Amino acid sequence: MSGLVKAAAARVAPAMRTGIITQRASLYTRPAKEKLGTAETAIGLGMFSLAILGPSGWILAHLEEYKKKE
């Protein structure tokens, strides 16, 4: 068992000695080419709400059916 621990420590030790690894994302953002309108914003928020709340609403609406053991 100690041989396995020594082998694992020998592989991990160099990585631990190098210090903190920094990661940089190459992400560039700009303002949108066209502004979103009120209707587009409302449709987008409505779809997100439906996607998140729809399944839980379905389950709660059919809870009595799920309770029945047939």
N, C-alpha and C. Protein backbone atom coordinates (compact mmCIF):
# COMPACT_ATOMS: atom_id res chain seq x y z
N MET A 1 0.82 -1.19 0.00
CA MET A 1 0.00 0.00 0.00
C MET A 1 0.86 1.25 0.00
N SER A 2 1.95 1.24 0.75
CA SER A 2 2.79 2.43 0.81
C SER A 2 3.49 2.69 -0.52
N GLY A 3 3.77 1.62 -1.27
CA GLY A 3 4.37 1.80 -2.60
C GLY A 3 3.42 2.52 -3.54
N LEU A 4 2.14 2.22 -3.43
CA LEU A 4 1.13 2.88 -4.25
C LEU A 4 1.02 4.36 -3.89
N VAL A 5 1.08 4.65 -2.60
CA VAL A 5 1.01 6.04 -2.15
C VAL A 5 2.24 6.81 -2.62
N LYS A 6 3.42 6.20 -2.54
CA LYS A 6 4.64 6.86 -2.98
C LYS A 6 4.60 7.14 -4.48
N ALA A 7 4.09 6.18 -5.26
CA ALA A 7 4.00 6.36 -6.71
C ALA A 7 3.03 7.48 -7.05
N ALA A 8 1.92 7.54 -6.35
CA ALA A 8 0.94 8.60 -6.60
C ALA A 8 1.51 9.95 -6.19
N ALA A 9 2.23 10.01 -5.07
CA ALA A 9 2.81 11.26 -4.60
C ALA A 9 3.89 11.74 -5.57
N ALA A 10 4.64 10.82 -6.16
CA ALA A 10 5.69 11.22 -7.10
C ALA A 10 5.09 11.85 -8.36
N ARG A 11 3.91 11.40 -8.75
CA ARG A 11 3.26 11.97 -9.94
C ARG A 11 2.57 13.28 -9.64
N VAL A 12 2.04 13.44 -8.44
CA VAL A 12 1.28 14.62 -8.08
C VAL A 12 2.18 15.75 -7.60
N ALA A 13 3.29 15.44 -6.98
CA ALA A 13 4.15 16.44 -6.37
C ALA A 13 4.62 17.53 -7.35
N PRO A 14 5.09 17.20 -8.57
CA PRO A 14 5.52 18.28 -9.47
C PRO A 14 4.39 19.25 -9.81
N ALA A 15 3.20 18.76 -9.95
CA ALA A 15 2.07 19.63 -10.26
C ALA A 15 1.74 20.54 -9.09
N MET A 16 1.95 20.06 -7.89
CA MET A 16 1.65 20.87 -6.71
C MET A 16 2.73 21.93 -6.49
N ARG A 17 3.95 21.71 -6.95
CA ARG A 17 5.04 22.65 -6.74
C ARG A 17 4.99 23.83 -7.71
N THR A 18 4.30 23.70 -8.84
CA THR A 18 4.34 24.75 -9.86
C THR A 18 3.60 26.00 -9.43
N GLY A 19 2.74 25.93 -8.46
CA GLY A 19 2.00 27.10 -8.01
C GLY A 19 0.61 27.13 -8.60
N ILE A 20 0.04 28.30 -8.56
CA ILE A 20 -1.33 28.44 -9.02
C ILE A 20 -1.33 28.59 -10.54
N ILE A 21 -2.17 27.85 -11.18
CA ILE A 21 -2.31 27.92 -12.63
C ILE A 21 -3.37 28.96 -12.96
N THR A 22 -3.01 29.92 -13.78
CA THR A 22 -3.98 30.95 -14.15
C THR A 22 -4.57 30.60 -15.51
N GLN A 23 -5.85 30.80 -15.63
CA GLN A 23 -6.54 30.55 -16.89
C GLN A 23 -7.09 31.86 -17.40
N ARG A 24 -6.95 32.07 -18.67
CA ARG A 24 -7.49 33.27 -19.29
C ARG A 24 -8.45 32.86 -20.39
N ALA A 25 -9.59 33.46 -20.39
CA ALA A 25 -10.57 33.19 -21.43
C ALA A 25 -10.43 34.27 -22.50
N SER A 26 -10.47 33.85 -23.73
CA SER A 26 -10.39 34.82 -24.82
C SER A 26 -11.82 35.16 -25.27
N LEU A 27 -12.46 35.96 -24.46
CA LEU A 27 -13.85 36.33 -24.71
C LEU A 27 -13.93 37.83 -24.89
N TYR A 28 -14.45 38.22 -26.03
CA TYR A 28 -14.59 39.64 -26.33
C TYR A 28 -16.06 39.96 -26.49
N THR A 29 -16.51 41.01 -25.85
CA THR A 29 -17.92 41.38 -25.94
C THR A 29 -18.04 42.77 -26.52
N ARG A 30 -19.15 43.00 -27.19
CA ARG A 30 -19.46 44.31 -27.75
C ARG A 30 -20.95 44.56 -27.54
N PRO A 31 -21.35 45.79 -27.70
CA PRO A 31 -22.79 46.07 -27.65
C PRO A 31 -23.51 45.39 -28.81
N ALA A 32 -24.78 45.11 -28.61
CA ALA A 32 -25.56 44.46 -29.65
C ALA A 32 -25.67 45.35 -30.88
N LYS A 33 -25.75 44.72 -32.06
CA LYS A 33 -25.89 45.49 -33.30
C LYS A 33 -27.24 46.20 -33.35
N GLU A 34 -28.27 45.50 -32.88
CA GLU A 34 -29.61 46.06 -32.85
C GLU A 34 -30.17 45.91 -31.45
N LYS A 35 -30.87 46.90 -30.97
CA LYS A 35 -31.47 46.81 -29.63
C LYS A 35 -32.70 45.92 -29.69
N LEU A 36 -32.92 45.20 -28.59
CA LEU A 36 -34.10 44.34 -28.49
C LEU A 36 -35.31 45.19 -28.14
N GLY A 37 -36.43 44.87 -28.76
CA GLY A 37 -37.66 45.59 -28.47
C GLY A 37 -38.36 45.03 -27.25
N THR A 38 -39.43 45.70 -26.88
CA THR A 38 -40.21 45.28 -25.73
C THR A 38 -40.86 43.93 -25.96
N ALA A 39 -41.39 43.71 -27.16
CA ALA A 39 -42.06 42.45 -27.48
C ALA A 39 -41.07 41.28 -27.44
N GLU A 40 -39.87 41.48 -27.99
CA GLU A 40 -38.87 40.41 -27.98
C GLU A 40 -38.43 40.08 -26.56
N THR A 41 -38.29 41.09 -25.74
CA THR A 41 -37.92 40.88 -24.34
C THR A 41 -39.02 40.11 -23.60
N ALA A 42 -40.27 40.50 -23.82
CA ALA A 42 -41.39 39.83 -23.15
C ALA A 42 -41.50 38.38 -23.60
N ILE A 43 -41.31 38.12 -24.89
CA ILE A 43 -41.37 36.74 -25.39
C ILE A 43 -40.24 35.91 -24.79
N GLY A 44 -39.05 36.48 -24.74
CA GLY A 44 -37.91 35.76 -24.17
C GLY A 44 -38.11 35.42 -22.70
N LEU A 45 -38.56 36.39 -21.92
CA LEU A 45 -38.81 36.14 -20.50
C LEU A 45 -39.94 35.13 -20.31
N GLY A 46 -40.96 35.22 -21.15
CA GLY A 46 -42.07 34.26 -21.07
C GLY A 46 -41.63 32.84 -21.36
N MET A 47 -40.77 32.67 -22.37
CA MET A 47 -40.28 31.33 -22.72
C MET A 47 -39.40 30.75 -21.61
N PHE A 48 -38.54 31.60 -21.03
CA PHE A 48 -37.71 31.11 -19.93
C PHE A 48 -38.57 30.73 -18.73
N SER A 49 -39.59 31.52 -18.44
CA SER A 49 -40.48 31.20 -17.31
C SER A 49 -41.22 29.91 -17.57
N LEU A 50 -41.68 29.72 -18.79
CA LEU A 50 -42.39 28.49 -19.14
C LEU A 50 -41.47 27.29 -19.05
N ALA A 51 -40.24 27.44 -19.50
CA ALA A 51 -39.29 26.33 -19.45
C ALA A 51 -38.94 25.94 -18.02
N ILE A 52 -38.90 26.91 -17.13
CA ILE A 52 -38.52 26.62 -15.74
C ILE A 52 -39.72 26.20 -14.90
N LEU A 53 -40.83 26.93 -15.03
CA LEU A 53 -41.98 26.68 -14.18
C LEU A 53 -42.98 25.69 -14.77
N GLY A 54 -42.92 25.45 -16.07
CA GLY A 54 -43.87 24.55 -16.73
C GLY A 54 -43.88 23.13 -16.18
N PRO A 55 -42.73 22.46 -16.13
CA PRO A 55 -42.72 21.09 -15.61
C PRO A 55 -43.20 20.95 -14.18
N SER A 56 -42.79 21.88 -13.32
CA SER A 56 -43.24 21.79 -11.92
C SER A 56 -44.73 22.07 -11.82
N GLY A 57 -45.25 22.98 -12.63
CA GLY A 57 -46.69 23.23 -12.65
C GLY A 57 -47.48 22.03 -13.13
N TRP A 58 -46.94 21.33 -14.12
CA TRP A 58 -47.59 20.11 -14.62
C TRP A 58 -47.68 19.06 -13.53
N ILE A 59 -46.60 18.86 -12.81
CA ILE A 59 -46.57 17.86 -11.74
C ILE A 59 -47.56 18.24 -10.64
N LEU A 60 -47.58 19.51 -10.25
CA LEU A 60 -48.51 19.93 -9.20
C LEU A 60 -49.96 19.82 -9.65
N ALA A 61 -50.24 20.07 -10.92
CA ALA A 61 -51.60 19.97 -11.42
C ALA A 61 -52.08 18.53 -11.46
N HIS A 62 -51.19 17.58 -11.63
CA HIS A 62 -51.55 16.16 -11.73
C HIS A 62 -51.12 15.37 -10.51
N LEU A 63 -50.96 16.04 -9.38
CA LEU A 63 -50.47 15.39 -8.18
C LEU A 63 -51.39 14.28 -7.69
N GLU A 64 -52.68 14.48 -7.78
CA GLU A 64 -53.63 13.46 -7.33
C GLU A 64 -53.51 12.19 -8.16
N GLU A 65 -53.27 12.34 -9.44
CA GLU A 65 -53.09 11.16 -10.31
C GLU A 65 -51.84 10.39 -9.92
N TYR A 66 -50.78 11.11 -9.54
CA TYR A 66 -49.54 10.45 -9.17
C TYR A 66 -49.64 9.75 -7.83
N LYS A 67 -50.55 10.20 -6.97
CA LYS A 67 -50.72 9.59 -5.66
C LYS A 67 -51.42 8.23 -5.75
N LYS A 68 -52.23 8.04 -6.79
CA LYS A 68 -52.97 6.78 -6.92
C LYS A 68 -52.01 5.65 -7.23
N LYS A 69 -52.21 4.55 -6.51
CA LYS A 69 -51.40 3.36 -6.75
C LYS A 69 -52.27 2.33 -7.43
N GLU A 70 -52.01 2.13 -8.68
CA GLU A 70 -52.82 1.14 -9.41
C GLU A 70 -52.00 -0.08 -9.75
